[in-house]
Amino acid sequence: MATEQDLKYTADHEWVDAAGDIATVGITAYAAAQLGDIVFVDLPSVGDEVEAGQVIGELESTKSVGELFCPVSGTITEVNDEVTASPEVVNSDPFGAGWLLKVQVAELPELMDKAAYDALTGAA
């Protein structure tokens, strides 16, 4: 797993670890904190074709529901069953065990680096 510094980020608060042709996708700690305690995760199915920018799922918290946007185009190869069974892991470990899905990348758009993401969220 790449470090937070090595990941790429979207303005919608997803992170991408695009090592090779499989991209691992999750939400950032900032997004998890903004949502609050996550109680339900709805993810796409393995084999689904996805487009960058498309809504592909939802994360429901005690405060609100957040949409999950796919940061890359391709085919879903794996979903993290642990987060659907125990959604709170997204809050406790968003960059590790709380990853959401993996995508066979057909197209990887330009994404932000950590410095640009931190500037967006005011974390810099």
C-alpha atoms as a PDB file:
ATOM      1  CA  MET A   1       0.000   0.000   0.000  1.00  0.00           C
ATOM      2  CA  ALA A   2       1.284   3.435  -0.917  1.00  0.00           C
ATOM      3  CA  THR A   3       1.650   6.132   1.692  1.00  0.00           C
ATOM      4  CA  GLU A   4      -0.808   9.046   1.810  1.00  0.00           C
ATOM      5  CA  GLN A   5       1.958  11.135   0.223  1.00  0.00           C
ATOM      6  CA  ASP A   6       2.125   8.787  -2.796  1.00  0.00           C
ATOM      7  CA  LEU A   7      -1.622   8.541  -3.408  1.00  0.00           C
ATOM      8  CA  LYS A   8      -3.603  10.660  -5.868  1.00  0.00           C
ATOM      9  CA  TYR A   9      -6.751  12.528  -4.822  1.00  0.00           C
ATOM     10  CA  THR A  10      -9.996  13.916  -6.247  1.00  0.00           C
ATOM     11  CA  ALA A  11     -11.897  17.085  -5.349  1.00  0.00           C
ATOM     12  CA  ASP A  12     -14.684  14.721  -4.209  1.00  0.00           C
ATOM     13  CA  HIS A  13     -12.372  13.364  -1.464  1.00  0.00           C
ATOM     14  CA  GLU A  14     -11.527   9.967  -2.908  1.00  0.00           C
ATOM     15  CA  TRP A  15      -7.982   8.629  -2.922  1.00  0.00           C
ATOM     16  CA  VAL A  16      -6.467   6.415  -5.598  1.00  0.00           C
ATOM     17  CA  ASP A  17      -3.509   4.059  -5.395  1.00  0.00           C
ATOM     18  CA  ALA A  18      -2.890   3.431  -9.081  1.00  0.00           C
ATOM     19  CA  ALA A  19       0.056   1.065  -8.988  1.00  0.00           C
ATOM     20  CA  GLY A  20       0.007  -0.827 -12.275  1.00  0.00           C
ATOM     21  CA  ASP A  21      -3.305  -1.340 -14.049  1.00  0.00           C
ATOM     22  CA  ILE A  22      -5.363  -1.956 -10.892  1.00  0.00           C
ATOM     23  CA  ALA A  23      -6.401   1.128  -8.895  1.00  0.00           C
ATOM     24  CA  THR A  24      -7.418   0.838  -5.261  1.00  0.00           C
ATOM     25  CA  VAL A  25      -9.985   3.469  -4.257  1.00  0.00           C
ATOM     26  CA  GLY A  26     -11.130   4.802  -0.892  1.00  0.00           C
ATOM     27  CA  ILE A  27     -12.246   7.995   0.774  1.00  0.00           C
ATOM     28  CA  THR A  28      -9.902  10.326   2.596  1.00  0.00           C
ATOM     29  CA  ALA A  29      -9.719  10.804   6.346  1.00  0.00           C
ATOM     30  CA  TYR A  30     -11.067  14.322   5.740  1.00  0.00           C
ATOM     31  CA  ALA A  31     -14.177  12.896   4.021  1.00  0.00           C
ATOM     32  CA  ALA A  32     -14.660  10.278   6.744  1.00  0.00           C
ATOM     33  CA  ALA A  33     -14.439  12.989   9.419  1.00  0.00           C
ATOM     34  CA  GLN A  34     -16.917  15.202   7.560  1.00  0.00           C
ATOM     35  CA  LEU A  35     -19.391  12.321   7.246  1.00  0.00           C
ATOM     36  CA  GLY A  36     -19.112  11.287  10.881  1.00  0.00           C
ATOM     37  CA  ASP A  37     -19.711   7.725  12.060  1.00  0.00           C
ATOM     38  CA  ILE A  38     -20.284   5.639   8.918  1.00  0.00           C
ATOM     39  CA  VAL A  39     -23.020   3.055   9.461  1.00  0.00           C
ATOM     40  CA  PHE A  40     -23.690   1.755   5.923  1.00  0.00           C
ATOM     41  CA  VAL A  41     -21.633   1.404   2.732  1.00  0.00           C
ATOM     42  CA  ASP A  42     -23.203   0.699  -0.665  1.00  0.00           C
ATOM     43  CA  LEU A  43     -20.646  -0.323  -3.301  1.00  0.00           C
ATOM     44  CA  PRO A  44     -20.928  -1.417  -6.954  1.00  0.00           C
ATOM     45  CA  SER A  45     -20.634  -5.071  -7.971  1.00  0.00           C
ATOM     46  CA  VAL A  46     -17.571  -6.856  -9.294  1.00  0.00           C
ATOM     47  CA  GLY A  47     -17.691  -6.701 -13.081  1.00  0.00           C
ATOM     48  CA  ASP A  48     -19.474  -3.332 -13.234  1.00  0.00           C
ATOM     49  CA  GLU A  49     -18.133  -0.908 -15.834  1.00  0.00           C
ATOM     50  CA  VAL A  50     -17.505   2.528 -14.312  1.00  0.00           C
ATOM     51  CA  GLU A  51     -16.631   5.963 -15.656  1.00  0.00           C
ATOM     52  CA  ALA A  52     -14.493   8.575 -13.938  1.00  0.00           C
ATOM     53  CA  GLY A  53     -16.762  11.057 -12.156  1.00  0.00           C
ATOM     54  CA  GLN A  54     -19.718   8.657 -12.045  1.00  0.00           C
ATOM     55  CA  VAL A  55     -21.578   8.065  -8.762  1.00  0.00           C
ATOM     56  CA  ILE A  56     -20.947   4.406  -7.942  1.00  0.00           C
ATOM     57  CA  GLY A  57     -22.055   4.095  -4.337  1.00  0.00           C
ATOM     58  CA  GLU A  58     -23.006   5.718  -1.077  1.00  0.00           C
ATOM     59  CA  LEU A  59     -21.620   6.047   2.416  1.00  0.00           C
ATOM     60  CA  GLU A  60     -24.291   6.628   5.018  1.00  0.00           C
ATOM     61  CA  SER A  61     -23.411   8.078   8.391  1.00  0.00           C
ATOM     62  CA  THR A  62     -25.336   9.052  11.477  1.00  0.00           C
ATOM     63  CA  LYS A  63     -25.293  12.636  10.094  1.00  0.00           C
ATOM     64  CA  SER A  64     -25.768  12.332   6.333  1.00  0.00           C
ATOM     65  CA  VAL A  65     -25.364  10.317   3.148  1.00  0.00           C
ATOM     66  CA  GLY A  66     -22.330  10.909   0.948  1.00  0.00           C
ATOM     67  CA  GLU A  67     -22.012   9.830  -2.660  1.00  0.00           C
ATOM     68  CA  LEU A  68     -18.993   7.849  -3.794  1.00  0.00           C
ATOM     69  CA  PHE A  69     -17.628   9.014  -7.137  1.00  0.00           C
ATOM     70  CA  CYS A  70     -15.348   6.781  -9.167  1.00  0.00           C
ATOM     71  CA  PRO A  71     -12.044   8.567  -9.796  1.00  0.00           C
ATOM     72  CA  VAL A  72     -11.054   6.300 -12.729  1.00  0.00           C
ATOM     73  CA  SER A  73     -12.719   4.588 -15.674  1.00  0.00           C
ATOM     74  CA  GLY A  74     -12.633   0.814 -15.941  1.00  0.00           C
ATOM     75  CA  THR A  75     -14.092  -2.398 -14.521  1.00  0.00           C
ATOM     76  CA  ILE A  76     -14.645  -3.204 -10.841  1.00  0.00           C
ATOM     77  CA  THR A  77     -12.424  -6.187  -9.971  1.00  0.00           C
ATOM     78  CA  GLU A  78     -12.921  -6.323  -6.204  1.00  0.00           C
ATOM     79  CA  VAL A  79     -14.990  -4.716  -3.453  1.00  0.00           C
ATOM     80  CA  ASN A  80     -13.995  -4.638   0.188  1.00  0.00           C
ATOM     81  CA  ASP A  81     -16.552  -6.871   1.901  1.00  0.00           C
ATOM     82  CA  GLU A  82     -15.094  -5.890   5.284  1.00  0.00           C
ATOM     83  CA  VAL A  83     -16.428  -2.324   4.952  1.00  0.00           C
ATOM     84  CA  THR A  84     -19.906  -3.497   3.993  1.00  0.00           C
ATOM     85  CA  ALA A  85     -19.944  -5.807   7.038  1.00  0.00           C
ATOM     86  CA  SER A  86     -18.218  -3.294   9.374  1.00  0.00           C
ATOM     87  CA  PRO A  87     -18.630   0.226   7.903  1.00  0.00           C
ATOM     88  CA  GLU A  88     -16.904   1.849  10.892  1.00  0.00           C
ATOM     89  CA  VAL A  89     -13.547   0.630   9.544  1.00  0.00           C
ATOM     90  CA  VAL A  90     -13.785   3.422   6.940  1.00  0.00           C
ATOM     91  CA  ASN A  91     -13.620   5.935   9.819  1.00  0.00           C
ATOM     92  CA  SER A  92     -10.925   4.137  11.795  1.00  0.00           C
ATOM     93  CA  ASP A  93      -8.587   3.274   8.890  1.00  0.00           C
ATOM     94  CA  PRO A  94      -9.617   5.089   5.664  1.00  0.00           C
ATOM     95  CA  PHE A  95      -6.203   4.642   4.010  1.00  0.00           C
ATOM     96  CA  GLY A  96      -5.728   1.005   5.039  1.00  0.00           C
ATOM     97  CA  ALA A  97      -8.363  -1.598   5.892  1.00  0.00           C
ATOM     98  CA  GLY A  98     -11.077   0.916   4.941  1.00  0.00           C
ATOM     99  CA  TRP A  99     -10.315   0.843   1.198  1.00  0.00           C
ATOM    100  CA  LEU A 100     -13.520   0.485  -0.817  1.00  0.00           C
ATOM    101  CA  LEU A 101     -12.890  -1.075  -4.217  1.00  0.00           C
ATOM    102  CA  LYS A 102     -10.407  -1.986  -6.904  1.00  0.00           C
ATOM    103  CA  VAL A 103     -10.748  -1.074 -10.565  1.00  0.00           C
ATOM    104  CA  GLN A 104      -9.047  -2.474 -13.668  1.00  0.00           C
ATOM    105  CA  VAL A 105      -8.075   0.898 -15.110  1.00  0.00           C
ATOM    106  CA  ALA A 106      -9.135   1.742 -18.655  1.00  0.00           C
ATOM    107  CA  GLU A 107      -8.467   5.464 -18.200  1.00  0.00           C
ATOM    108  CA  LEU A 108      -6.759   7.337 -15.384  1.00  0.00           C
ATOM    109  CA  PRO A 109      -7.605  11.059 -15.438  1.00  0.00           C
ATOM    110  CA  GLU A 110      -5.404  13.771 -13.991  1.00  0.00           C
ATOM    111  CA  LEU A 111      -5.675  13.656 -10.213  1.00  0.00           C
ATOM    112  CA  MET A 112      -4.292  15.848  -7.423  1.00  0.00           C
ATOM    113  CA  ASP A 113      -1.175  15.094  -5.429  1.00  0.00           C
ATOM    114  CA  LYS A 114      -1.190  15.307  -1.619  1.00  0.00           C
ATOM    115  CA  ALA A 115      -0.079  18.959  -1.552  1.00  0.00           C
ATOM    116  CA  ALA A 116      -2.880  20.042  -3.898  1.00  0.00           C
ATOM    117  CA  TYR A 117      -5.443  18.022  -1.927  1.00  0.00           C
ATOM    118  CA  ASP A 118      -4.251  19.517   1.372  1.00  0.00           C
ATOM    119  CA  ALA A 119      -4.585  22.997  -0.162  1.00  0.00           C
ATOM    120  CA  LEU A 120      -8.153  22.145  -1.247  1.00  0.00           C
ATOM    121  CA  THR A 121      -9.173  20.999   2.238  1.00  0.00           C
ATOM    122  CA  GLY A 122      -7.221  23.652   4.105  1.00  0.00           C
ATOM    123  CA  ALA A 123      -5.020  21.004   5.740  1.00  0.00           C
ATOM    124  CA  ALA A 124      -1.816  22.545   4.398  1.00  0.00           C
END
